[in-house]
Amino acid sequence: MATPQTNPPRRSSRSLCIGIAILLLLLGGMVMDPQAGFICFALAGMFSLVPLWSARGWPRYVSIAVLTIALLLAVATFPAARRQHNAYKDKATSGAHAPNP
């Protein structure tokens, strides 16, 4: 009995992942919120990993470039995102009251 073969990822899915990663890089650069920018850059890096593992030729080189850019931008925005999160956390916990029994 013949075993069913799994279909390899098509070329269009690799290009789609690269396109989504580039779109997320652009979106992360346009938003004013440092945390949203950091999340967009991290997602762009994750989307660029798919063609890196499965593609050959130019999609792999483009995904390496997109991953490098995403990592550099995420590292650059991390301190601002951390400061914003710490300020939010301090503001949220300073007004917290102990629950009444």
PDB file of N, CA and C in Angstrom:
ATOM      1  N   MET A   1       0.837  -1.161   0.000  1.00  0.00           N
ATOM      2  CA  MET A   1       0.000   0.000   0.000  1.00  0.00           C
ATOM      3  C   MET A   1       0.892   1.237   0.000  1.00  0.00           C
ATOM      4  N   ALA A   2       0.572   2.158  -0.857  1.00  0.00           N
ATOM      5  CA  ALA A   2       1.378   3.369  -0.999  1.00  0.00           C
ATOM      6  C   ALA A   2       1.048   4.342   0.124  1.00  0.00           C
ATOM      7  N   THR A   3       2.092   4.942   0.655  1.00  0.00           N
ATOM      8  CA  THR A   3       1.895   5.936   1.698  1.00  0.00           C
ATOM      9  C   THR A   3       1.685   7.308   1.047  1.00  0.00           C
ATOM     10  N   PRO A   4       0.798   8.094   1.596  1.00  0.00           N
ATOM     11  CA  PRO A   4       0.578   9.419   1.002  1.00  0.00           C
ATOM     12  C   PRO A   4       1.792  10.313   1.225  1.00  0.00           C
ATOM     13  N   GLN A   5       2.153  11.045   0.196  1.00  0.00           N
ATOM     14  CA  GLN A   5       3.291  11.943   0.289  1.00  0.00           C
ATOM     15  C   GLN A   5       2.812  13.309   0.749  1.00  0.00           C
ATOM     16  N   THR A   6       3.622  13.915   1.566  1.00  0.00           N
ATOM     17  CA  THR A   6       3.273  15.265   1.995  1.00  0.00           C
ATOM     18  C   THR A   6       3.795  16.242   0.957  1.00  0.00           C
ATOM     19  N   ASN A   7       3.016  17.233   0.695  1.00  0.00           N
ATOM     20  CA  ASN A   7       3.421  18.243  -0.273  1.00  0.00           C
ATOM     21  C   ASN A   7       4.360  19.240   0.386  1.00  0.00           C
ATOM     22  N   PRO A   8       5.476  19.546  -0.278  1.00  0.00           N
ATOM     23  CA  PRO A   8       6.372  20.558   0.286  1.00  0.00           C
ATOM     24  C   PRO A   8       5.721  21.934   0.187  1.00  0.00           C
ATOM     25  N   PRO A   9       6.145  22.857   1.021  1.00  0.00           N
ATOM     26  CA  PRO A   9       5.568  24.189   0.958  1.00  0.00           C
ATOM     27  C   PRO A   9       5.795  24.794  -0.428  1.00  0.00           C
ATOM     28  N   ARG A  10       4.770  25.435  -0.923  1.00  0.00           N
ATOM     29  CA  ARG A  10       4.889  26.019  -2.249  1.00  0.00           C
ATOM     30  C   ARG A  10       5.663  27.319  -2.191  1.00  0.00           C
ATOM     31  N   ARG A  11       6.121  27.717  -3.350  1.00  0.00           N
ATOM     32  CA  ARG A  11       6.917  28.924  -3.457  1.00  0.00           C
ATOM     33  C   ARG A  11       6.121  30.155  -3.030  1.00  0.00           C
ATOM     34  N   SER A  12       4.829  30.158  -3.323  1.00  0.00           N
ATOM     35  CA  SER A  12       4.031  31.328  -2.991  1.00  0.00           C
ATOM     36  C   SER A  12       3.899  31.513  -1.479  1.00  0.00           C
ATOM     37  N   SER A  13       3.873  30.417  -0.718  1.00  0.00           N
ATOM     38  CA  SER A  13       3.778  30.557   0.738  1.00  0.00           C
ATOM     39  C   SER A  13       5.064  31.149   1.303  1.00  0.00           C
ATOM     40  N   ARG A  14       6.188  30.813   0.713  1.00  0.00           N
ATOM     41  CA  ARG A  14       7.449  31.405   1.177  1.00  0.00           C
ATOM     42  C   ARG A  14       7.487  32.893   0.870  1.00  0.00           C
ATOM     43  N   SER A  15       7.047  33.253  -0.324  1.00  0.00           N
ATOM     44  CA  SER A  15       7.016  34.664  -0.698  1.00  0.00           C
ATOM     45  C   SER A  15       6.002  35.428   0.150  1.00  0.00           C
ATOM     46  N   LEU A  16       4.908  34.776   0.484  1.00  0.00           N
ATOM     47  CA  LEU A  16       3.907  35.409   1.339  1.00  0.00           C
ATOM     48  C   LEU A  16       4.476  35.683   2.724  1.00  0.00           C
ATOM     49  N   CYS A  17       5.224  34.750   3.287  1.00  0.00           N
ATOM     50  CA  CYS A  17       5.843  34.959   4.602  1.00  0.00           C
ATOM     51  C   CYS A  17       6.855  36.096   4.552  1.00  0.00           C
ATOM     52  N   ILE A  18       7.608  36.189   3.472  1.00  0.00           N
ATOM     53  CA  ILE A  18       8.560  37.289   3.328  1.00  0.00           C
ATOM     54  C   ILE A  18       7.809  38.611   3.206  1.00  0.00           C
ATOM     55  N   GLY A  19       6.728  38.615   2.441  1.00  0.00           N
ATOM     56  CA  GLY A  19       5.930  39.832   2.292  1.00  0.00           C
ATOM     57  C   GLY A  19       5.311  40.275   3.604  1.00  0.00           C
ATOM     58  N   ILE A  20       4.802  39.337   4.386  1.00  0.00           N
ATOM     59  CA  ILE A  20       4.231  39.683   5.689  1.00  0.00           C
ATOM     60  C   ILE A  20       5.318  40.216   6.617  1.00  0.00           C
ATOM     61  N   ALA A  21       6.496  39.625   6.584  1.00  0.00           N
ATOM     62  CA  ALA A  21       7.594  40.091   7.433  1.00  0.00           C
ATOM     63  C   ALA A  21       8.003  41.515   7.062  1.00  0.00           C
ATOM     64  N   ILE A  22       8.070  41.811   5.777  1.00  0.00           N
ATOM     65  CA  ILE A  22       8.427  43.165   5.347  1.00  0.00           C
ATOM     66  C   ILE A  22       7.333  44.150   5.744  1.00  0.00           C
ATOM     67  N   LEU A  23       6.073  43.744   5.596  1.00  0.00           N
ATOM     68  CA  LEU A  23       4.959  44.597   6.007  1.00  0.00           C
ATOM     69  C   LEU A  23       5.000  44.878   7.510  1.00  0.00           C
ATOM     70  N   LEU A  24       5.330  43.870   8.307  1.00  0.00           N
ATOM     71  CA  LEU A  24       5.447  44.069   9.750  1.00  0.00           C
ATOM     72  C   LEU A  24       6.616  44.983  10.109  1.00  0.00           C
ATOM     73  N   LEU A  25       7.711  44.886   9.352  1.00  0.00           N
ATOM     74  CA  LEU A  25       8.827  45.806   9.587  1.00  0.00           C
ATOM     75  C   LEU A  25       8.404  47.248   9.325  1.00  0.00           C
ATOM     76  N   LEU A  26       7.683  47.449   8.227  1.00  0.00           N
ATOM     77  CA  LEU A  26       7.213  48.801   7.913  1.00  0.00           C
ATOM     78  C   LEU A  26       6.216  49.293   8.959  1.00  0.00           C
ATOM     79  N   LEU A  27       5.311  48.430   9.361  1.00  0.00           N
ATOM     80  CA  LEU A  27       4.316  48.794  10.357  1.00  0.00           C
ATOM     81  C   LEU A  27       4.975  49.110  11.701  1.00  0.00           C
ATOM     82  N   GLY A  28       5.940  48.315  12.087  1.00  0.00           N
ATOM     83  CA  GLY A  28       6.652  48.550  13.340  1.00  0.00           C
ATOM     84  C   GLY A  28       7.432  49.854  13.334  1.00  0.00           C
ATOM     85  N   GLY A  29       7.905  50.263  12.159  1.00  0.00           N
ATOM     86  CA  GLY A  29       8.603  51.534  12.063  1.00  0.00           C
ATOM     87  C   GLY A  29       7.673  52.732  12.075  1.00  0.00           C
ATOM     88  N   MET A  30       6.412  52.513  11.713  1.00  0.00           N
ATOM     89  CA  MET A  30       5.463  53.625  11.633  1.00  0.00           C
ATOM     90  C   MET A  30       4.699  53.875  12.926  1.00  0.00           C
ATOM     91  N   VAL A  31       4.542  52.874  13.756  1.00  0.00           N
ATOM     92  CA  VAL A  31       3.753  53.070  14.976  1.00  0.00           C
ATOM     93  C   VAL A  31       4.543  53.911  15.975  1.00  0.00           C
ATOM     94  N   MET A  32       3.815  54.648  16.785  1.00  0.00           N
ATOM     95  CA  MET A  32       4.454  55.523  17.766  1.00  0.00           C
ATOM     96  C   MET A  32       4.692  54.817  19.101  1.00  0.00           C
ATOM     97  N   ASP A  33       3.980  53.747  19.349  1.00  0.00           N
ATOM     98  CA  ASP A  33       4.089  53.020  20.608  1.00  0.00           C
ATOM     99  C   ASP A  33       5.307  52.096  20.557  1.00  0.00           C
ATOM    100  N   PRO A  34       6.256  52.230  21.480  1.00  0.00           N
ATOM    101  CA  PRO A  34       7.447  51.378  21.442  1.00  0.00           C
ATOM    102  C   PRO A  34       7.134  49.889  21.632  1.00  0.00           C
ATOM    103  N   GLN A  35       6.141  49.570  22.462  1.00  0.00           N
ATOM    104  CA  GLN A  35       5.811  48.157  22.660  1.00  0.00           C
ATOM    105  C   GLN A  35       5.210  47.550  21.404  1.00  0.00           C
ATOM    106  N   ALA A  36       4.348  48.288  20.727  1.00  0.00           N
ATOM    107  CA  ALA A  36       3.761  47.779  19.488  1.00  0.00           C
ATOM    108  C   ALA A  36       4.830  47.621  18.416  1.00  0.00           C
ATOM    109  N   GLY A  37       5.774  48.550  18.356  1.00  0.00           N
ATOM    110  CA  GLY A  37       6.874  48.432  17.408  1.00  0.00           C
ATOM    111  C   GLY A  37       7.730  47.215  17.701  1.00  0.00           C
ATOM    112  N   PHE A  38       8.019  46.994  18.974  1.00  0.00           N
ATOM    113  CA  PHE A  38       8.821  45.827  19.361  1.00  0.00           C
ATOM    114  C   PHE A  38       8.108  44.531  18.980  1.00  0.00           C
ATOM    115  N   ILE A  39       6.801  44.475  19.220  1.00  0.00           N
ATOM    116  CA  ILE A  39       6.029  43.275  18.870  1.00  0.00           C
ATOM    117  C   ILE A  39       6.026  43.063  17.359  1.00  0.00           C
ATOM    118  N   CYS A  40       5.874  44.142  16.589  1.00  0.00           N
ATOM    119  CA  CYS A  40       5.891  44.012  15.128  1.00  0.00           C
ATOM    120  C   CYS A  40       7.250  43.512  14.633  1.00  0.00           C
ATOM    121  N   PHE A  41       8.325  44.021  15.211  1.00  0.00           N
ATOM    122  CA  PHE A  41       9.658  43.574  14.804  1.00  0.00           C
ATOM    123  C   PHE A  41       9.893  42.115  15.179  1.00  0.00           C
ATOM    124  N   ALA A  42       9.407  41.704  16.345  1.00  0.00           N
ATOM    125  CA  ALA A  42       9.551  40.308  16.758  1.00  0.00           C
ATOM    126  C   ALA A  42       8.746  39.386  15.843  1.00  0.00           C
ATOM    127  N   LEU A  43       7.525  39.792  15.503  1.00  0.00           N
ATOM    128  CA  LEU A  43       6.720  38.982  14.582  1.00  0.00           C
ATOM    129  C   LEU A  43       7.342  38.918  13.195  1.00  0.00           C
ATOM    130  N   ALA A  44       7.932  40.014  12.753  1.00  0.00           N
ATOM    131  CA  ALA A  44       8.613  40.011  11.459  1.00  0.00           C
ATOM    132  C   ALA A  44       9.773  39.010  11.462  1.00  0.00           C
ATOM    133  N   GLY A  45      10.489  38.958  12.565  1.00  0.00           N
ATOM    134  CA  GLY A  45      11.571  37.981  12.680  1.00  0.00           C
ATOM    135  C   GLY A  45      11.053  36.558  12.645  1.00  0.00           C
ATOM    136  N   MET A  46       9.919  36.320  13.297  1.00  0.00           N
ATOM    137  CA  MET A  46       9.345  34.968  13.287  1.00  0.00           C
ATOM    138  C   MET A  46       8.849  34.573  11.894  1.00  0.00           C
ATOM    139  N   PHE A  47       8.218  35.512  11.209  1.00  0.00           N
ATOM    140  CA  PHE A  47       7.745  35.207   9.863  1.00  0.00           C
ATOM    141  C   PHE A  47       8.903  34.997   8.891  1.00  0.00           C
ATOM    142  N   SER A  48      10.036  35.626   9.131  1.00  0.00           N
ATOM    143  CA  SER A  48      11.169  35.432   8.233  1.00  0.00           C
ATOM    144  C   SER A  48      11.889  34.109   8.477  1.00  0.00           C
ATOM    145  N   LEU A  49      11.590  33.453   9.590  1.00  0.00           N
ATOM    146  CA  LEU A  49      12.220  32.151   9.848  1.00  0.00           C
ATOM    147  C   LEU A  49      11.659  31.043   8.958  1.00  0.00           C
ATOM    148  N   VAL A  50      10.400  31.158   8.546  1.00  0.00           N
ATOM    149  CA  VAL A  50       9.782  30.103   7.730  1.00  0.00           C
ATOM    150  C   VAL A  50      10.523  29.927   6.407  1.00  0.00           C
ATOM    151  N   PRO A  51      10.739  30.997   5.614  1.00  0.00           N
ATOM    152  CA  PRO A  51      11.494  30.790   4.382  1.00  0.00           C
ATOM    153  C   PRO A  51      12.965  30.473   4.625  1.00  0.00           C
ATOM    154  N   LEU A  52      13.481  30.888   5.772  1.00  0.00           N
ATOM    155  CA  LEU A  52      14.879  30.582   6.066  1.00  0.00           C
ATOM    156  C   LEU A  52      15.090  29.079   6.188  1.00  0.00           C
ATOM    157  N   TRP A  53      14.127  28.388   6.806  1.00  0.00           N
ATOM    158  CA  TRP A  53      14.256  26.946   6.979  1.00  0.00           C
ATOM    159  C   TRP A  53      13.884  26.150   5.737  1.00  0.00           C
ATOM    160  N   SER A  54      12.948  26.655   4.933  1.00  0.00           N
ATOM    161  CA  SER A  54      12.418  25.813   3.865  1.00  0.00           C
ATOM    162  C   SER A  54      12.790  26.254   2.463  1.00  0.00           C
ATOM    163  N   ALA A  55      13.307  27.436   2.278  1.00  0.00           N
ATOM    164  CA  ALA A  55      13.545  27.952   0.928  1.00  0.00           C
ATOM    165  C   ALA A  55      14.986  27.714   0.492  1.00  0.00           C
ATOM    166  N   ARG A  56      15.157  27.826  -0.795  1.00  0.00           N
ATOM    167  CA  ARG A  56      16.493  27.776  -1.403  1.00  0.00           C
ATOM    168  C   ARG A  56      16.612  28.961  -2.341  1.00  0.00           C
ATOM    169  N   GLY A  57      17.820  29.446  -2.497  1.00  0.00           N
ATOM    170  CA  GLY A  57      18.040  30.529  -3.440  1.00  0.00           C
ATOM    171  C   GLY A  57      17.714  31.886  -2.855  1.00  0.00           C
ATOM    172  N   TRP A  58      17.141  32.761  -3.699  1.00  0.00           N
ATOM    173  CA  TRP A  58      16.921  34.153  -3.291  1.00  0.00           C
ATOM    174  C   TRP A  58      15.959  34.307  -2.119  1.00  0.00           C
ATOM    175  N   PRO A  59      14.904  33.479  -1.969  1.00  0.00           N
ATOM    176  CA  PRO A  59      14.063  33.684  -0.783  1.00  0.00           C
ATOM    177  C   PRO A  59      14.819  33.494   0.532  1.00  0.00           C
ATOM    178  N   ARG A  60      15.771  32.590   0.538  1.00  0.00           N
ATOM    179  CA  ARG A  60      16.557  32.374   1.757  1.00  0.00           C
ATOM    180  C   ARG A  60      17.431  33.597   2.061  1.00  0.00           C
ATOM    181  N   TYR A  61      18.033  34.182   1.036  1.00  0.00           N
ATOM    182  CA  TYR A  61      18.873  35.358   1.255  1.00  0.00           C
ATOM    183  C   TYR A  61      18.046  36.559   1.705  1.00  0.00           C
ATOM    184  N   VAL A  62      16.860  36.717   1.116  1.00  0.00           N
ATOM    185  CA  VAL A  62      15.981  37.805   1.523  1.00  0.00           C
ATOM    186  C   VAL A  62      15.522  37.594   2.961  1.00  0.00           C
ATOM    187  N   SER A  63      15.205  36.352   3.323  1.00  0.00           N
ATOM    188  CA  SER A  63      14.755  36.087   4.693  1.00  0.00           C
ATOM    189  C   SER A  63      15.884  36.308   5.700  1.00  0.00           C
ATOM    190  N   ILE A  64      17.118  36.030   5.325  1.00  0.00           N
ATOM    191  CA  ILE A  64      18.253  36.314   6.204  1.00  0.00           C
ATOM    192  C   ILE A  64      18.383  37.816   6.420  1.00  0.00           C
ATOM    193  N   ALA A  65      18.227  38.590   5.344  1.00  0.00           N
ATOM    194  CA  ALA A  65      18.308  40.048   5.454  1.00  0.00           C
ATOM    195  C   ALA A  65      17.166  40.596   6.321  1.00  0.00           C
ATOM    196  N   VAL A  66      15.947  40.098   6.103  1.00  0.00           N
ATOM    197  CA  VAL A  66      14.802  40.561   6.882  1.00  0.00           C
ATOM    198  C   VAL A  66      14.955  40.173   8.347  1.00  0.00           C
ATOM    199  N   LEU A  67      15.437  38.972   8.619  1.00  0.00           N
ATOM    200  CA  LEU A  67      15.656  38.540   9.997  1.00  0.00           C
ATOM    201  C   LEU A  67      16.704  39.410  10.690  1.00  0.00           C
ATOM    202  N   THR A  68      17.783  39.727   9.988  1.00  0.00           N
ATOM    203  CA  THR A  68      18.826  40.574  10.560  1.00  0.00           C
ATOM    204  C   THR A  68      18.286  41.968  10.879  1.00  0.00           C
ATOM    205  N   ILE A  69      17.533  42.537   9.946  1.00  0.00           N
ATOM    206  CA  ILE A  69      16.960  43.865  10.165  1.00  0.00           C
ATOM    207  C   ILE A  69      15.967  43.832  11.324  1.00  0.00           C
ATOM    208  N   ALA A  70      15.133  42.798  11.364  1.00  0.00           N
ATOM    209  CA  ALA A  70      14.139  42.692  12.438  1.00  0.00           C
ATOM    210  C   ALA A  70      14.811  42.569  13.799  1.00  0.00           C
ATOM    211  N   LEU A  71      15.863  41.764  13.882  1.00  0.00           N
ATOM    212  CA  LEU A  71      16.568  41.616  15.157  1.00  0.00           C
ATOM    213  C   LEU A  71      17.228  42.914  15.597  1.00  0.00           C
ATOM    214  N   LEU A  72      17.851  43.623  14.659  1.00  0.00           N
ATOM    215  CA  LEU A  72      18.494  44.887  15.013  1.00  0.00           C
ATOM    216  C   LEU A  72      17.474  45.924  15.466  1.00  0.00           C
ATOM    217  N   LEU A  73      16.343  46.001  14.781  1.00  0.00           N
ATOM    218  CA  LEU A  73      15.318  46.960  15.173  1.00  0.00           C
ATOM    219  C   LEU A  73      14.666  46.576  16.502  1.00  0.00           C
ATOM    220  N   ALA A  74      14.483  45.281  16.739  1.00  0.00           N
ATOM    221  CA  ALA A  74      13.909  44.847  18.012  1.00  0.00           C
ATOM    222  C   ALA A  74      14.854  45.168  19.166  1.00  0.00           C
ATOM    223  N   VAL A  75      16.134  44.959  18.966  1.00  0.00           N
ATOM    224  CA  VAL A  75      17.114  45.288  20.008  1.00  0.00           C
ATOM    225  C   VAL A  75      17.146  46.796  20.248  1.00  0.00           C
ATOM    226  N   ALA A  76      16.992  47.583  19.190  1.00  0.00           N
ATOM    227  CA  ALA A  76      17.028  49.046  19.335  1.00  0.00           C
ATOM    228  C   ALA A  76      15.790  49.583  20.048  1.00  0.00           C
ATOM    229  N   THR A  77      14.635  48.949  19.864  1.00  0.00           N
ATOM    230  CA  THR A  77      13.410  49.454  20.488  1.00  0.00           C
ATOM    231  C   THR A  77      13.128  48.821  21.850  1.00  0.00           C
ATOM    232  N   PHE A  78      13.866  47.810  22.224  1.00  0.00           N
ATOM    233  CA  PHE A  78      13.601  47.140  23.490  1.00  0.00           C
ATOM    234  C   PHE A  78      13.734  48.058  24.706  1.00  0.00           C
ATOM    235  N   PRO A  79      14.767  48.900  24.821  1.00  0.00           N
ATOM    236  CA  PRO A  79      14.855  49.756  26.017  1.00  0.00           C
ATOM    237  C   PRO A  79      13.663  50.709  26.164  1.00  0.00           C
ATOM    238  N   ALA A  80      13.211  51.288  25.072  1.00  0.00           N
ATOM    239  CA  ALA A  80      12.060  52.195  25.153  1.00  0.00           C
ATOM    240  C   ALA A  80      10.791  51.435  25.519  1.00  0.00           C
ATOM    241  N   ALA A  81      10.630  50.243  24.970  1.00  0.00           N
ATOM    242  CA  ALA A  81       9.456  49.424  25.298  1.00  0.00           C
ATOM    243  C   ALA A  81       9.493  49.003  26.762  1.00  0.00           C
ATOM    244  N   ARG A  82      10.668  48.707  27.261  1.00  0.00           N
ATOM    245  CA  ARG A  82      10.800  48.305  28.663  1.00  0.00           C
ATOM    246  C   ARG A  82      10.482  49.473  29.602  1.00  0.00           C
ATOM    247  N   ARG A  83      10.983  50.670  29.257  1.00  0.00           N
ATOM    248  CA  ARG A  83      10.678  51.849  30.077  1.00  0.00           C
ATOM    249  C   ARG A  83       9.180  52.121  30.096  1.00  0.00           C
ATOM    250  N   GLN A  84       8.542  52.004  28.944  1.00  0.00           N
ATOM    251  CA  GLN A  84       7.113  52.249  28.881  1.00  0.00           C
ATOM    252  C   GLN A  84       6.337  51.212  29.691  1.00  0.00           C
ATOM    253  N   HIS A  85       6.746  49.967  29.602  1.00  0.00           N
ATOM    254  CA  HIS A  85       6.064  48.918  30.365  1.00  0.00           C
ATOM    255  C   HIS A  85       6.259  49.118  31.864  1.00  0.00           C
ATOM    256  N   ASN A  86       7.459  49.483  32.274  1.00  0.00           N
ATOM    257  CA  ASN A  86       7.705  49.715  33.704  1.00  0.00           C
ATOM    258  C   ASN A  86       6.885  50.897  34.219  1.00  0.00           C
ATOM    259  N   ALA A  87       6.761  51.962  33.418  1.00  0.00           N
ATOM    260  CA  ALA A  87       5.946  53.100  33.826  1.00  0.00           C
ATOM    261  C   ALA A  87       4.477  52.695  33.930  1.00  0.00           C
ATOM    262  N   TYR A  88       4.001  51.900  32.994  1.00  0.00           N
ATOM    263  CA  TYR A  88       2.621  51.425  33.041  1.00  0.00           C
ATOM    264  C   TYR A  88       2.392  50.537  34.262  1.00  0.00           C
ATOM    265  N   LYS A  89       3.344  49.655  34.538  1.00  0.00           N
ATOM    266  CA  LYS A  89       3.217  48.745  35.675  1.00  0.00           C
ATOM    267  C   LYS A  89       3.222  49.515  36.994  1.00  0.00           C
ATOM    268  N   ASP A  90       4.088  50.512  37.110  1.00  0.00           N
ATOM    269  CA  ASP A  90       4.124  51.323  38.336  1.00  0.00           C
ATOM    270  C   ASP A  90       2.829  52.102  38.518  1.00  0.00           C
ATOM    271  N   LYS A  91       2.305  52.641  37.436  1.00  0.00           N
ATOM    272  CA  LYS A  91       1.055  53.392  37.513  1.00  0.00           C
ATOM    273  C   LYS A  91      -0.116  52.486  37.857  1.00  0.00           C
ATOM    274  N   ALA A  92      -0.116  51.288  37.310  1.00  0.00           N
ATOM    275  CA  ALA A  92      -1.219  50.358  37.559  1.00  0.00           C
ATOM    276  C   ALA A  92      -1.183  49.810  38.979  1.00  0.00           C
ATOM    277  N   THR A  93      -0.011  49.583  39.526  1.00  0.00           N
ATOM    278  CA  THR A  93       0.072  49.006  40.867  1.00  0.00           C
ATOM    279  C   THR A  93       0.045  50.057  41.965  1.00  0.00           C
ATOM    280  N   SER A  94       0.295  51.315  41.645  1.00  0.00           N
ATOM    281  CA  SER A  94       0.305  52.340  42.690  1.00  0.00           C
ATOM    282  C   SER A  94      -1.109  52.650  43.162  1.00  0.00           C
ATOM    283  N   GLY A  95      -2.099  52.528  42.317  1.00  0.00           N
ATOM    284  CA  GLY A  95      -3.466  52.811  42.706  1.00  0.00           C
ATOM    285  C   GLY A  95      -4.221  51.582  43.173  1.00  0.00           C
ATOM    286  N   ALA A  96      -3.537  50.475  43.277  1.00  0.00           N
ATOM    287  CA  ALA A  96      -4.206  49.239  43.684  1.00  0.00           C
ATOM    288  C   ALA A  96      -4.448  49.247  45.184  1.00  0.00           C
ATOM    289  N   HIS A  97      -5.626  48.864  45.548  1.00  0.00           N
ATOM    290  CA  HIS A  97      -5.977  48.778  46.963  1.00  0.00           C
ATOM    291  C   HIS A  97      -6.105  47.314  47.360  1.00  0.00           C
ATOM    292  N   ALA A  98      -5.907  47.079  48.632  1.00  0.00           N
ATOM    293  CA  ALA A  98      -6.066  45.723  49.143  1.00  0.00           C
ATOM    294  C   ALA A  98      -7.552  45.369  49.126  1.00  0.00           C
ATOM    295  N   PRO A  99      -7.895  44.168  48.710  1.00  0.00           N
ATOM    296  CA  PRO A  99      -9.309  43.801  48.675  1.00  0.00           C
ATOM    297  C   PRO A  99      -9.883  43.685  50.093  1.00  0.00           C
ATOM    298  N   ASN A 100     -11.119  44.095  50.225  1.00  0.00           N
ATOM    299  CA  ASN A 100     -11.785  43.998  51.528  1.00  0.00           C
ATOM    300  C   ASN A 100     -12.297  42.579  51.745  1.00  0.00           C
ATOM    301  N   PRO A 101     -12.128  42.051  52.973  1.00  0.00           N
ATOM    302  CA  PRO A 101     -12.592  40.676  53.214  1.00  0.00           C
ATOM    303  C   PRO A 101     -14.085  40.554  53.290  1.00  0.00           C
TER     304      PRO A 101
END
